[in-house]
Amino acid sequence: MPSSIPFPKICIALGQPRPDALIRAARAEIATGETFFELRLDMLADPRDGITVIETLSREFHPIQILATCRRVASGGEFRGTPAQEAQLLEGALRAGAKGVDFAIESAQALPEKAAALAASGGLVISYHNFDRTPALEPIYRRMSKFPAAVYKIVTTARKQSDNARLLALGKAHPRTPLI
């Protein structure tokens, strides 16, 4: 597994229903000096429009780094497609200029061959999201670490201070794994 995270430490997450609004939002952040963006393709009315957004931003602003996400409803997002359709959109995002893609663990488990293909890009983020609570973290880590990735992202809702402490402890327990 990689020992360092291949992206900057601060990422601006952007999601809009229309491509022109997403481009405007990115341009506004770029004007303030930001260079690393997570573009939520699943929040676009038609996620396929995200490919054009990535092409436009990559052409207009160099160097910027884009992490493309098309999170399915089952993983806490807004995309109503299948894991195969999610992977297809993420592959298109890489071809359009994204430096990385966020592929939910549920999708990676459903399509391990697609996870491997996305990992070959060098910018795969395997993610887990739980917006209700912070469950036991080691089983989640074990599920995720079965897939090669540049970064493993665990997002939970901390309901008490000990939830934060458990998240920090996970990182300390696996210092050679790039966890965010």
Protein backbone atom coordinates (compact mmCIF):
# COMPACT_ATOMS: atom_id res chain seq x y z
CA MET A 1 0.00 0.00 0.00
CA PRO A 2 1.15 3.55 -0.62
CA SER A 3 2.60 5.37 2.37
CA SER A 4 1.64 8.91 1.39
CA ILE A 5 -1.48 10.61 0.12
CA PRO A 6 -1.08 11.75 -3.52
CA PHE A 7 -3.42 14.73 -3.12
CA PRO A 8 -3.19 18.07 -1.31
CA LYS A 9 -4.48 18.12 2.27
CA ILE A 10 -7.37 20.50 1.66
CA CYS A 11 -10.13 19.57 -0.78
CA ILE A 12 -13.07 21.78 -1.71
CA ALA A 13 -16.18 19.65 -2.34
CA LEU A 14 -18.51 21.12 -4.97
CA GLY A 15 -21.90 19.91 -6.07
CA GLN A 16 -24.50 21.70 -8.15
CA PRO A 17 -27.54 20.58 -10.18
CA ARG A 18 -26.38 22.27 -13.41
CA PRO A 19 -23.00 22.13 -15.18
CA ASP A 20 -22.78 25.92 -15.59
CA ALA A 21 -23.39 26.40 -11.85
CA LEU A 22 -20.71 23.82 -11.02
CA ILE A 23 -18.20 25.54 -13.31
CA ARG A 24 -19.04 28.94 -11.77
CA ALA A 25 -18.60 27.54 -8.25
CA ALA A 26 -15.21 26.06 -9.18
CA ARG A 27 -14.07 29.28 -10.86
CA ALA A 28 -15.00 31.24 -7.72
CA GLU A 29 -12.88 28.91 -5.57
CA ILE A 30 -9.99 28.97 -8.05
CA ALA A 31 -10.05 32.78 -7.88
CA THR A 32 -9.31 32.50 -4.14
CA GLY A 33 -6.31 30.24 -4.79
CA GLU A 34 -7.86 26.80 -4.31
CA THR A 35 -6.47 24.04 -6.53
CA PHE A 36 -7.97 20.73 -5.32
CA PHE A 37 -11.65 19.95 -5.86
CA GLU A 38 -13.99 17.05 -5.34
CA LEU A 39 -16.65 17.39 -8.02
CA ARG A 40 -19.88 15.63 -7.06
CA LEU A 41 -21.11 14.38 -10.42
CA ASP A 42 -24.02 12.66 -8.67
CA MET A 43 -25.49 16.05 -7.75
CA LEU A 44 -25.81 17.11 -11.39
CA ALA A 45 -29.23 16.60 -12.97
CA ASP A 46 -27.39 14.49 -15.56
CA PRO A 47 -24.12 13.17 -14.10
CA ARG A 48 -22.74 12.63 -17.62
CA ASP A 49 -22.48 16.42 -17.87
CA GLY A 50 -19.71 16.20 -15.30
CA ILE A 51 -17.33 14.92 -17.96
CA THR A 52 -17.65 18.21 -19.86
CA VAL A 53 -17.23 20.16 -16.61
CA ILE A 54 -13.97 18.32 -15.89
CA GLU A 55 -12.72 18.88 -19.46
CA THR A 56 -13.57 22.59 -19.24
CA LEU A 57 -11.93 23.17 -15.87
CA SER A 58 -8.86 21.09 -16.75
CA ARG A 59 -8.39 23.05 -19.98
CA GLU A 60 -8.95 26.48 -18.41
CA PHE A 61 -7.01 26.06 -15.18
CA HIS A 62 -3.72 24.26 -15.03
CA PRO A 63 -2.64 22.91 -12.67
CA ILE A 64 -5.73 21.99 -10.71
CA GLN A 65 -6.54 18.59 -9.30
CA ILE A 66 -10.01 17.14 -9.58
CA LEU A 67 -11.33 14.17 -7.64
CA ALA A 68 -14.54 12.97 -9.32
CA THR A 69 -17.30 11.40 -7.25
CA CYS A 70 -20.55 9.89 -8.46
CA ARG A 71 -21.91 8.45 -5.21
CA ARG A 72 -24.89 6.15 -5.49
CA VAL A 73 -28.00 6.58 -3.33
CA ALA A 74 -27.11 3.30 -1.57
CA SER A 75 -23.82 4.90 -0.49
CA GLY A 76 -25.28 8.21 0.65
CA GLY A 77 -25.21 10.07 -2.66
CA GLU A 78 -27.74 11.09 -5.28
CA PHE A 79 -26.82 8.87 -8.26
CA ARG A 80 -29.59 6.39 -9.04
CA GLY A 81 -27.58 4.24 -11.43
CA THR A 82 -25.90 0.88 -11.01
CA PRO A 83 -22.34 0.31 -9.79
CA ALA A 84 -21.38 -0.40 -13.41
CA GLN A 85 -22.81 2.95 -14.52
CA GLU A 86 -20.98 4.67 -11.64
CA ALA A 87 -17.70 3.06 -12.72
CA GLN A 88 -18.31 4.05 -16.35
CA LEU A 89 -18.80 7.69 -15.34
CA LEU A 90 -15.66 7.63 -13.20
CA GLU A 91 -13.64 6.12 -16.05
CA GLY A 92 -14.90 8.96 -18.25
CA ALA A 93 -13.90 11.47 -15.57
CA LEU A 94 -10.34 10.14 -15.61
CA ARG A 95 -10.20 10.39 -19.40
CA ALA A 96 -11.52 13.96 -19.13
CA GLY A 97 -8.69 15.02 -16.82
CA ALA A 98 -9.65 14.08 -13.26
CA LYS A 99 -6.58 13.14 -11.21
CA GLY A 100 -8.56 10.71 -9.10
CA VAL A 101 -11.94 9.15 -8.47
CA ASP A 102 -13.87 8.25 -5.33
CA PHE A 103 -15.39 4.76 -5.60
CA ALA A 104 -17.60 3.66 -2.70
CA ILE A 105 -16.69 0.41 -0.96
CA GLU A 106 -20.13 -1.00 -1.79
CA SER A 107 -19.48 -0.46 -5.50
CA ALA A 108 -15.94 -1.83 -5.26
CA GLN A 109 -17.27 -4.98 -3.63
CA ALA A 110 -19.93 -5.35 -6.33
CA LEU A 111 -17.37 -4.81 -9.13
CA PRO A 112 -13.87 -5.75 -7.96
CA GLU A 113 -12.58 -5.80 -11.55
CA LYS A 114 -13.69 -2.17 -12.01
CA ALA A 115 -12.05 -1.21 -8.72
CA ALA A 116 -8.80 -2.76 -9.97
CA ALA A 117 -9.06 -0.90 -13.27
CA LEU A 118 -9.69 2.41 -11.48
CA ALA A 119 -6.78 1.70 -9.11
CA ALA A 120 -4.49 1.41 -12.12
CA SER A 121 -5.06 5.15 -12.67
CA GLY A 122 -3.09 5.82 -9.48
CA GLY A 123 -5.76 8.10 -8.08
CA LEU A 124 -8.36 5.73 -6.65
CA VAL A 125 -10.02 6.66 -3.37
CA ILE A 126 -12.03 3.83 -1.81
CA SER A 127 -14.60 5.41 0.48
CA TYR A 128 -17.04 4.45 3.20
CA HIS A 129 -19.81 6.75 4.41
CA ASN A 130 -22.13 6.45 7.39
CA PHE A 131 -24.13 9.59 8.05
CA ASP A 132 -25.92 8.14 11.08
CA ARG A 133 -23.16 7.01 13.41
CA THR A 134 -19.58 5.78 13.83
CA PRO A 135 -19.69 1.98 13.74
CA ALA A 136 -16.85 -0.41 14.58
CA LEU A 137 -13.99 0.78 12.38
CA GLU A 138 -11.63 -2.20 12.07
CA PRO A 139 -14.16 -4.29 10.08
CA ILE A 140 -14.64 -1.34 7.71
CA TYR A 141 -10.89 -0.92 7.36
CA ARG A 142 -10.51 -4.64 6.58
CA ARG A 143 -13.26 -4.45 3.92
CA MET A 144 -11.62 -1.45 2.28
CA SER A 145 -8.03 -2.61 2.42
CA LYS A 146 -8.86 -5.66 0.29
CA PHE A 147 -8.80 -3.26 -2.66
CA PRO A 148 -5.63 -1.46 -3.76
CA ALA A 149 -6.13 2.31 -3.62
CA ALA A 150 -4.15 5.51 -3.33
CA VAL A 151 -6.30 6.59 -0.38
CA TYR A 152 -8.94 5.11 1.90
CA LYS A 153 -11.60 7.55 3.07
CA ILE A 154 -13.84 6.87 6.05
CA VAL A 155 -16.63 9.38 6.70
CA THR A 156 -18.86 8.87 9.72
CA THR A 157 -21.04 10.96 11.96
CA ALA A 158 -19.43 11.36 15.35
CA ARG A 159 -22.07 11.50 18.05
CA LYS A 160 -19.68 11.66 20.97
CA GLN A 161 -16.07 12.51 21.64
CA SER A 162 -15.09 8.84 21.79
CA ASP A 163 -16.18 8.45 18.14
CA ASN A 164 -13.56 11.01 17.12
CA ALA A 165 -10.99 9.28 19.30
CA ARG A 166 -11.73 5.93 17.61
CA LEU A 167 -11.28 7.48 14.16
CA LEU A 168 -7.94 8.97 15.16
CA ALA A 169 -6.88 5.67 16.76
CA LEU A 170 -7.59 3.84 13.51
CA GLY A 171 -5.11 6.08 11.71
CA LYS A 172 -2.50 5.48 14.40
CA ALA A 173 -3.07 1.71 14.25
CA HIS A 174 -2.37 1.73 10.49
CA PRO A 175 0.33 4.37 9.99
CA ARG A 176 1.46 3.05 6.60
CA THR A 177 -2.05 3.18 5.15
CA PRO A 178 -3.17 6.50 3.66
CA LEU A 179 -6.39 7.06 5.61
CA ILE A 180 -8.48 10.21 5.51
